[in-house]
Amino acid sequence: MNWMAGATGAIVGAALMAMPACIYGQRVERDIAAIETGKNALERIQKLERNNAEYENLSARDRCLVFMLDSGLPDSACD
């Protein structure tokens, strides 16, 4: 019986330790995805600046809107 209680305790302990690690891993993956999305959007914006003279003439808000919409981010951050 003692080995059964020990095994049960070990299983419960392992499960309790694994849950925070999984949650942390998910958060890190979301952060990495957001960083990658931002990098990709920045590269697209830089390409716009090189290839499109009209982009340079846009106001700061309009440039922000282009960046946000191109990144799939909410445009409310530009207000």
N, C-alpha and C. Protein backbone atom coordinates (compact mmCIF):
# COMPACT_ATOMS: atom_id res chain seq x y z
N MET A 1 0.80 -1.19 0.00
CA MET A 1 0.00 0.00 0.00
C MET A 1 0.85 1.27 0.00
N ASN A 2 1.99 1.25 0.68
CA ASN A 2 2.83 2.44 0.74
C ASN A 2 3.38 2.82 -0.63
N TRP A 3 3.71 1.84 -1.44
CA TRP A 3 4.23 2.13 -2.76
C TRP A 3 3.15 2.75 -3.64
N MET A 4 1.90 2.35 -3.40
CA MET A 4 0.79 2.89 -4.18
C MET A 4 0.57 4.37 -3.84
N ALA A 5 0.65 4.71 -2.57
CA ALA A 5 0.50 6.10 -2.16
C ALA A 5 1.66 6.94 -2.70
N GLY A 6 2.85 6.38 -2.68
CA GLY A 6 4.01 7.08 -3.21
C GLY A 6 3.91 7.31 -4.71
N ALA A 7 3.43 6.29 -5.43
CA ALA A 7 3.27 6.41 -6.88
C ALA A 7 2.21 7.45 -7.21
N THR A 8 1.12 7.43 -6.46
CA THR A 8 0.05 8.41 -6.69
C THR A 8 0.56 9.82 -6.41
N GLY A 9 1.31 9.97 -5.34
CA GLY A 9 1.88 11.28 -5.02
C GLY A 9 2.85 11.76 -6.09
N ALA A 10 3.64 10.83 -6.62
CA ALA A 10 4.58 11.20 -7.68
C ALA A 10 3.85 11.64 -8.94
N ILE A 11 2.79 10.96 -9.29
CA ILE A 11 2.01 11.31 -10.48
C ILE A 11 1.35 12.67 -10.31
N VAL A 12 0.74 12.88 -9.15
CA VAL A 12 0.09 14.17 -8.88
C VAL A 12 1.13 15.29 -8.87
N GLY A 13 2.26 15.06 -8.26
CA GLY A 13 3.33 16.06 -8.22
C GLY A 13 3.85 16.40 -9.60
N ALA A 14 4.03 15.38 -10.43
CA ALA A 14 4.50 15.62 -11.79
C ALA A 14 3.48 16.43 -12.59
N ALA A 15 2.20 16.12 -12.40
CA ALA A 15 1.15 16.86 -13.11
C ALA A 15 1.13 18.31 -12.66
N LEU A 16 1.28 18.54 -11.36
CA LEU A 16 1.27 19.90 -10.85
C LEU A 16 2.48 20.69 -11.33
N MET A 17 3.59 20.04 -11.53
CA MET A 17 4.78 20.72 -12.02
C MET A 17 4.71 20.97 -13.52
N ALA A 18 4.04 20.12 -14.25
CA ALA A 18 3.97 20.24 -15.71
C ALA A 18 3.04 21.36 -16.15
N MET A 19 1.99 21.60 -15.39
CA MET A 19 1.01 22.62 -15.80
C MET A 19 1.62 24.01 -15.92
N PRO A 20 2.36 24.51 -14.92
CA PRO A 20 2.96 25.84 -15.09
C PRO A 20 3.96 25.90 -16.24
N ALA A 21 4.67 24.81 -16.46
CA ALA A 21 5.63 24.78 -17.56
C ALA A 21 4.91 24.90 -18.90
N CYS A 22 3.78 24.24 -19.04
CA CYS A 22 3.01 24.31 -20.29
C CYS A 22 2.46 25.72 -20.49
N ILE A 23 1.94 26.31 -19.42
CA ILE A 23 1.40 27.67 -19.53
C ILE A 23 2.50 28.65 -19.89
N TYR A 24 3.66 28.52 -19.26
CA TYR A 24 4.79 29.38 -19.57
C TYR A 24 5.22 29.20 -21.03
N GLY A 25 5.27 27.97 -21.49
CA GLY A 25 5.65 27.69 -22.87
C GLY A 25 4.69 28.31 -23.87
N GLN A 26 3.41 28.27 -23.57
CA GLN A 26 2.42 28.87 -24.46
C GLN A 26 2.62 30.39 -24.52
N ARG A 27 2.89 31.01 -23.37
CA ARG A 27 3.09 32.46 -23.35
C ARG A 27 4.33 32.84 -24.16
N VAL A 28 5.38 32.06 -24.00
CA VAL A 28 6.61 32.34 -24.74
C VAL A 28 6.37 32.20 -26.24
N GLU A 29 5.63 31.18 -26.64
CA GLU A 29 5.33 30.99 -28.06
C GLU A 29 4.52 32.15 -28.61
N ARG A 30 3.55 32.65 -27.84
CA ARG A 30 2.76 33.81 -28.28
C ARG A 30 3.64 35.03 -28.43
N ASP A 31 4.55 35.24 -27.48
CA ASP A 31 5.45 36.38 -27.55
C ASP A 31 6.36 36.29 -28.76
N ILE A 32 6.87 35.10 -29.03
CA ILE A 32 7.74 34.90 -30.20
C ILE A 32 6.97 35.16 -31.48
N ALA A 33 5.74 34.69 -31.55
CA ALA A 33 4.92 34.92 -32.74
C ALA A 33 4.65 36.41 -32.94
N ALA A 34 4.39 37.14 -31.86
CA ALA A 34 4.15 38.58 -31.96
C ALA A 34 5.41 39.30 -32.44
N ILE A 35 6.56 38.89 -31.94
CA ILE A 35 7.82 39.50 -32.37
C ILE A 35 8.06 39.23 -33.85
N GLU A 36 7.83 38.02 -34.28
CA GLU A 36 8.02 37.67 -35.69
C GLU A 36 7.06 38.47 -36.58
N THR A 37 5.82 38.62 -36.14
CA THR A 37 4.85 39.39 -36.91
C THR A 37 5.31 40.83 -37.04
N GLY A 38 5.81 41.39 -35.96
CA GLY A 38 6.32 42.76 -35.99
C GLY A 38 7.52 42.90 -36.91
N LYS A 39 8.43 41.93 -36.87
CA LYS A 39 9.60 41.97 -37.76
C LYS A 39 9.18 41.92 -39.22
N ASN A 40 8.24 41.02 -39.51
CA ASN A 40 7.77 40.89 -40.89
C ASN A 40 7.10 42.17 -41.36
N ALA A 41 6.30 42.76 -40.50
CA ALA A 41 5.63 44.01 -40.87
C ALA A 41 6.66 45.12 -41.09
N LEU A 42 7.67 45.19 -40.24
CA LEU A 42 8.70 46.20 -40.39
C LEU A 42 9.44 46.03 -41.71
N GLU A 43 9.73 44.80 -42.08
CA GLU A 43 10.38 44.56 -43.37
C GLU A 43 9.50 45.00 -44.53
N ARG A 44 8.19 44.75 -44.42
CA ARG A 44 7.27 45.18 -45.48
C ARG A 44 7.20 46.70 -45.55
N ILE A 45 7.19 47.35 -44.39
CA ILE A 45 7.16 48.81 -44.36
C ILE A 45 8.44 49.38 -44.98
N GLN A 46 9.58 48.79 -44.66
CA GLN A 46 10.84 49.26 -45.24
C GLN A 46 10.84 49.08 -46.75
N LYS A 47 10.24 47.98 -47.21
CA LYS A 47 10.15 47.77 -48.65
C LYS A 47 9.23 48.81 -49.27
N LEU A 48 8.12 49.14 -48.59
CA LEU A 48 7.23 50.19 -49.07
C LEU A 48 7.98 51.52 -49.19
N GLU A 49 8.76 51.83 -48.17
CA GLU A 49 9.50 53.09 -48.18
C GLU A 49 10.49 53.16 -49.35
N ARG A 50 11.11 52.05 -49.67
CA ARG A 50 12.07 52.03 -50.77
C ARG A 50 11.39 52.12 -52.13
N ASN A 51 10.25 51.44 -52.26
CA ASN A 51 9.64 51.28 -53.58
C ASN A 51 8.48 52.23 -53.87
N ASN A 52 7.98 52.92 -52.86
CA ASN A 52 6.78 53.71 -53.06
C ASN A 52 6.99 55.11 -52.51
N ALA A 53 7.11 56.07 -53.39
CA ALA A 53 7.33 57.46 -52.96
C ALA A 53 6.12 58.02 -52.24
N GLU A 54 4.93 57.52 -52.54
CA GLU A 54 3.72 58.02 -51.89
C GLU A 54 3.71 57.71 -50.39
N TYR A 55 4.29 56.61 -50.00
CA TYR A 55 4.33 56.24 -48.58
C TYR A 55 5.08 57.28 -47.76
N GLU A 56 6.13 57.82 -48.32
CA GLU A 56 6.92 58.83 -47.61
C GLU A 56 6.12 60.10 -47.36
N ASN A 57 5.13 60.37 -48.20
CA ASN A 57 4.33 61.59 -48.07
C ASN A 57 3.16 61.44 -47.11
N LEU A 58 2.94 60.24 -46.58
CA LEU A 58 1.82 60.02 -45.66
C LEU A 58 2.11 60.65 -44.30
N SER A 59 1.04 60.99 -43.60
CA SER A 59 1.20 61.51 -42.23
C SER A 59 1.62 60.36 -41.31
N ALA A 60 2.05 60.71 -40.11
CA ALA A 60 2.48 59.70 -39.15
C ALA A 60 1.34 58.74 -38.83
N ARG A 61 0.12 59.25 -38.69
CA ARG A 61 -1.04 58.40 -38.39
C ARG A 61 -1.32 57.45 -39.54
N ASP A 62 -1.25 57.96 -40.77
CA ASP A 62 -1.50 57.10 -41.93
C ASP A 62 -0.43 56.02 -42.06
N ARG A 63 0.81 56.36 -41.75
CA ARG A 63 1.86 55.34 -41.76
C ARG A 63 1.58 54.29 -40.70
N CYS A 64 1.13 54.74 -39.53
CA CYS A 64 0.79 53.82 -38.46
C CYS A 64 -0.33 52.88 -38.91
N LEU A 65 -1.34 53.45 -39.58
CA LEU A 65 -2.45 52.62 -40.06
C LEU A 65 -1.97 51.58 -41.06
N VAL A 66 -1.09 51.98 -41.96
CA VAL A 66 -0.55 51.02 -42.93
C VAL A 66 0.18 49.90 -42.20
N PHE A 67 0.99 50.27 -41.23
CA PHE A 67 1.74 49.27 -40.46
C PHE A 67 0.81 48.33 -39.72
N MET A 68 -0.18 48.87 -39.01
CA MET A 68 -1.09 48.04 -38.22
C MET A 68 -1.92 47.13 -39.11
N LEU A 69 -2.48 47.66 -40.17
CA LEU A 69 -3.31 46.85 -41.05
C LEU A 69 -2.48 45.78 -41.75
N ASP A 70 -1.26 46.12 -42.12
CA ASP A 70 -0.38 45.16 -42.77
C ASP A 70 0.03 44.05 -41.82
N SER A 71 0.12 44.38 -40.52
CA SER A 71 0.52 43.40 -39.52
C SER A 71 -0.64 42.58 -38.99
N GLY A 72 -1.86 42.99 -39.30
CA GLY A 72 -3.02 42.31 -38.74
C GLY A 72 -3.30 42.74 -37.32
N LEU A 73 -2.76 43.88 -36.93
CA LEU A 73 -2.96 44.41 -35.58
C LEU A 73 -4.09 45.42 -35.60
N PRO A 74 -4.69 45.72 -34.45
CA PRO A 74 -5.81 46.67 -34.42
C PRO A 74 -5.33 48.09 -34.73
N ASP A 75 -6.09 48.77 -35.58
CA ASP A 75 -5.71 50.13 -35.94
C ASP A 75 -6.05 51.17 -34.88
N SER A 76 -6.72 50.74 -33.82
CA SER A 76 -7.07 51.67 -32.74
C SER A 76 -5.83 52.18 -32.01
N ALA A 77 -4.70 51.48 -32.14
CA ALA A 77 -3.47 51.92 -31.48
C ALA A 77 -2.89 53.17 -32.13
N CYS A 78 -3.35 53.50 -33.33
CA CYS A 78 -2.84 54.67 -34.04
C CYS A 78 -3.52 55.96 -33.60
N ASP A 79 -4.59 55.87 -32.85
CA ASP A 79 -5.32 57.08 -32.44
C ASP A 79 -4.66 57.78 -31.30
